[in-house]
Protein backbone atom coordinates (compact mmCIF):
# COMPACT_ATOMS: atom_id res chain seq x y z
CA MET A 1 51.00 138.44 31.69
CA LEU A 2 53.89 136.71 33.58
CA PHE A 3 56.03 139.84 33.28
CA VAL A 4 53.36 142.21 34.55
CA TRP A 5 52.05 139.95 37.32
CA GLY A 6 55.47 139.30 39.02
CA ASP A 7 53.99 136.74 41.52
CA PRO A 8 53.23 133.20 40.30
CA LEU A 9 50.29 133.45 37.93
CA ASP A 10 47.92 130.51 38.42
CA VAL A 11 46.46 128.68 35.44
CA LYS A 12 42.83 129.40 36.42
CA THR A 13 43.41 133.20 36.38
CA ALA A 14 45.17 133.13 32.98
CA ALA A 15 42.43 130.86 31.60
CA GLU A 16 39.82 133.40 32.70
CA VAL A 17 41.69 136.34 31.25
CA PHE A 18 41.99 134.61 27.86
CA ASN A 19 38.54 133.04 28.03
CA ILE A 20 39.92 129.54 27.51
CA ASP A 21 39.75 126.40 29.62
CA GLY A 22 42.35 125.63 32.30
CA LYS A 23 43.82 122.68 30.48
CA GLU A 24 44.56 124.82 27.33
CA ALA A 25 46.11 127.57 29.49
CA TYR A 26 48.27 125.01 31.25
CA GLU A 27 49.42 123.65 27.92
CA CYS A 28 50.30 127.15 26.72
CA PHE A 29 52.40 127.80 29.88
CA LYS A 30 54.26 124.46 29.36
CA GLU A 31 54.88 125.24 25.73
CA LEU A 32 56.34 128.65 26.60
CA GLN A 33 58.41 127.06 29.39
CA LYS A 34 59.86 124.58 26.96
CA GLU A 35 60.59 127.27 24.36
CA TYR A 36 62.52 129.35 26.92
CA GLU A 37 64.60 126.27 27.96
CA GLU A 38 65.37 125.23 24.41
CA GLN A 39 66.53 128.70 23.41
CA GLY A 40 68.91 128.86 26.36
CA ARG A 41 67.55 132.21 27.60
CA GLY A 42 68.68 133.75 30.82
CA ILE A 43 65.05 133.94 31.98
CA ARG A 44 63.12 130.76 32.59
CA ILE A 45 59.52 129.99 33.44
CA ARG A 46 59.06 127.84 36.48
CA GLU A 47 55.92 125.97 37.61
CA ILE A 48 54.84 126.29 41.22
CA ASP A 49 51.68 124.32 42.09
CA LYS A 50 49.79 124.94 38.89
CA SER A 51 51.06 128.56 38.70
CA PHE A 52 53.91 129.90 36.51
CA GLN A 53 56.46 132.63 37.12
CA PHE A 54 59.45 134.11 35.46
CA CYS A 55 62.79 133.40 37.25
CA THR A 56 66.46 133.78 36.32
CA GLU A 57 68.30 130.80 34.85
CA GLU A 58 70.27 129.17 37.63
CA GLY A 59 73.63 129.79 36.06
CA ASN A 60 73.13 133.57 36.36
CA ASN A 61 72.84 133.61 40.18
CA GLU A 62 76.30 135.17 40.53
CA TYR A 63 75.42 138.11 38.30
CA VAL A 64 72.00 138.64 39.88
CA GLU A 65 73.64 138.69 43.38
CA ARG A 66 76.22 141.24 42.30
CA LEU A 67 73.54 143.39 40.68
CA CYS A 68 71.36 143.25 43.71
CA THR A 69 74.04 143.95 46.31
CA PRO A 70 72.67 146.73 48.50
CA VAL A 71 73.68 150.19 47.40
CA ARG A 72 75.58 152.32 49.86
CA GLU A 73 72.99 154.31 51.86
CA GLN A 74 73.27 158.00 51.21
CA ARG A 75 73.05 160.28 54.17
CA LEU A 76 71.27 163.55 54.12
CA THR A 77 73.53 166.62 53.95
CA GLN A 78 73.57 169.12 56.79
CA SER A 79 71.43 171.56 54.82
CA ALA A 80 68.89 168.80 54.03
CA MET A 81 68.63 167.93 57.69
CA GLU A 82 68.15 171.57 58.58
CA VAL A 83 65.42 172.04 56.07
CA LEU A 84 63.83 168.75 57.08
CA ALA A 85 63.83 169.74 60.74
CA ILE A 86 62.19 173.13 59.94
CA ILE A 87 59.49 171.52 57.83
CA ALA A 88 58.82 168.75 60.41
CA TYR A 89 58.32 171.28 63.22
CA LYS A 90 56.71 174.21 61.32
CA GLN A 91 54.52 172.32 58.82
CA PRO A 92 52.77 173.32 56.82
CA VAL A 93 55.47 175.85 55.89
CA THR A 94 56.41 177.76 52.74
CA LYS A 95 59.85 177.92 51.10
CA GLY A 96 60.04 181.60 52.06
CA GLU A 97 59.51 180.78 55.76
CA ILE A 98 62.21 178.13 55.59
CA GLU A 99 64.62 180.48 53.87
CA SER A 100 63.79 183.10 56.47
CA ILE A 101 64.86 180.78 59.26
CA ARG A 102 67.89 179.47 57.53
CA GLY A 103 68.93 182.77 55.98
CA ILE A 104 69.80 181.04 52.75
CA LYS A 105 67.97 179.80 49.64
CA CYS A 106 66.84 176.27 49.76
CA ASP A 107 65.34 175.47 46.28
CA ARG A 108 67.66 172.51 45.56
CA VAL A 109 67.35 171.14 49.08
CA ILE A 110 63.62 171.12 48.88
CA GLU A 111 63.74 169.52 45.46
CA GLY A 112 66.06 166.86 46.73
CA LEU A 113 63.90 166.11 49.84
CA THR A 114 60.91 165.90 47.57
CA LYS A 115 62.58 163.42 45.13
CA LYS A 116 63.57 161.33 48.17
CA GLY A 117 59.88 161.29 49.26
CA LEU A 118 60.62 162.77 52.73
CA ILE A 119 58.51 165.91 52.07
CA GLU A 120 55.64 166.84 49.80
CA GLU A 121 53.42 169.74 48.73
CA VAL A 122 50.48 169.86 51.10
CA GLY A 123 48.57 172.85 49.75
CA ARG A 124 48.96 176.53 49.17
CA SER A 125 49.18 179.43 51.65
CA ALA A 126 46.56 182.15 51.63
CA GLY A 127 49.39 184.65 51.54
CA ILE A 128 50.47 186.86 48.60
CA GLY A 129 51.13 184.71 45.56
CA ARG A 130 49.67 181.69 47.21
CA PRO A 131 53.05 179.95 47.83
CA ILE A 132 53.29 176.20 48.17
CA LEU A 133 53.10 174.70 51.60
CA TYR A 134 55.41 171.84 52.46
CA GLY A 135 54.99 168.98 55.03
CA THR A 136 56.64 165.72 55.78
CA THR A 137 55.50 162.35 54.38
CA LYS A 138 54.87 158.93 55.79
CA LEU A 139 58.24 157.89 54.49
CA PHE A 140 59.79 160.64 56.65
CA LEU A 141 58.09 159.14 59.74
CA GLU A 142 59.25 155.64 58.72
CA HIS A 143 62.77 156.73 57.93
CA PHE A 144 63.29 158.42 61.29
CA GLY A 145 61.31 155.89 63.29
CA PHE A 146 58.31 158.00 64.34
CA LYS A 147 54.71 156.63 64.51
CA ASN A 148 53.31 160.11 64.00
CA LEU A 149 54.38 163.76 64.29
CA LYS A 150 53.44 163.88 67.95
CA GLU A 151 56.51 161.70 68.58
CA LEU A 152 58.84 164.43 67.39
CA PRO A 153 61.01 165.47 70.32
CA GLU A 154 60.14 168.65 72.05
CA ILE A 155 61.88 171.62 70.47
CA GLU A 156 63.95 172.16 73.69
CA ASP A 157 65.17 168.65 73.32
CA ILE A 158 66.02 168.77 69.63
CA SER A 159 69.71 169.69 70.17
CA GLU A 160 70.20 166.56 72.21
CA VAL A 161 68.45 164.34 69.58
CA LEU A 162 70.41 165.96 66.75
CA ARG A 163 73.74 165.19 68.39
CA GLU A 164 72.98 161.61 67.35
CA ALA A 165 72.14 162.76 63.79
CA PRO A 166 74.37 161.86 60.81
CA GLU A 167 77.87 163.12 60.57
CA GLY A 168 78.47 166.80 61.47
CA VAL A 169 74.93 168.02 61.60
CA ASP A 170 75.07 171.01 63.84
CA LEU A 171 71.54 172.21 64.30
CA GLU A 172 71.94 174.28 67.43
CA GLN A 173 71.90 177.44 65.38
CA ILE A 174 68.86 176.11 63.54
CA VAL A 175 67.16 175.57 66.90
CA ILE A 176 67.92 179.09 67.91
CA ASP A 177 66.73 180.47 64.57
CA PHE A 178 63.70 178.24 64.73
CA GLN A 179 62.67 179.39 68.14
CA GLN A 180 63.08 183.05 67.16
CA ALA A 181 60.94 182.63 63.99
């Protein structure tokens, strides 16, 4: 229960789950806490105001800090930014429409953006073969600092906005292709 709960688990809740009285639940937690300490485990059980929680043994702080050092943030590639811009402005849009604008296949880029949670399938087109329609997600809005899609810059202003985009993203051609599509 401690592992699954994550937050401090209060004695009362544990007692209700196991259908035992609070005193007995408290004693079980204390017994488990003592067992972890005696065995010298790297994980300990700490008591916080009649609640219990797993924590790391104090001597392991250095290792935990090294493990939890923030990972270098990966930037989106130019092609990912291009596809994302097309989806953001044209959504819902099919892969075929995206490829038509870019003039190049984009299966892997769409797969990558989906795995990152920036785009998602939003339905199916009524067109031949009923291709998948793609749209942006809430994570996209959050990542780029928009409250909603209405906050996207006007398409005429997109070149200016994208000059501030991550390294080397040249979307002027995309804007031209986009406007012609």
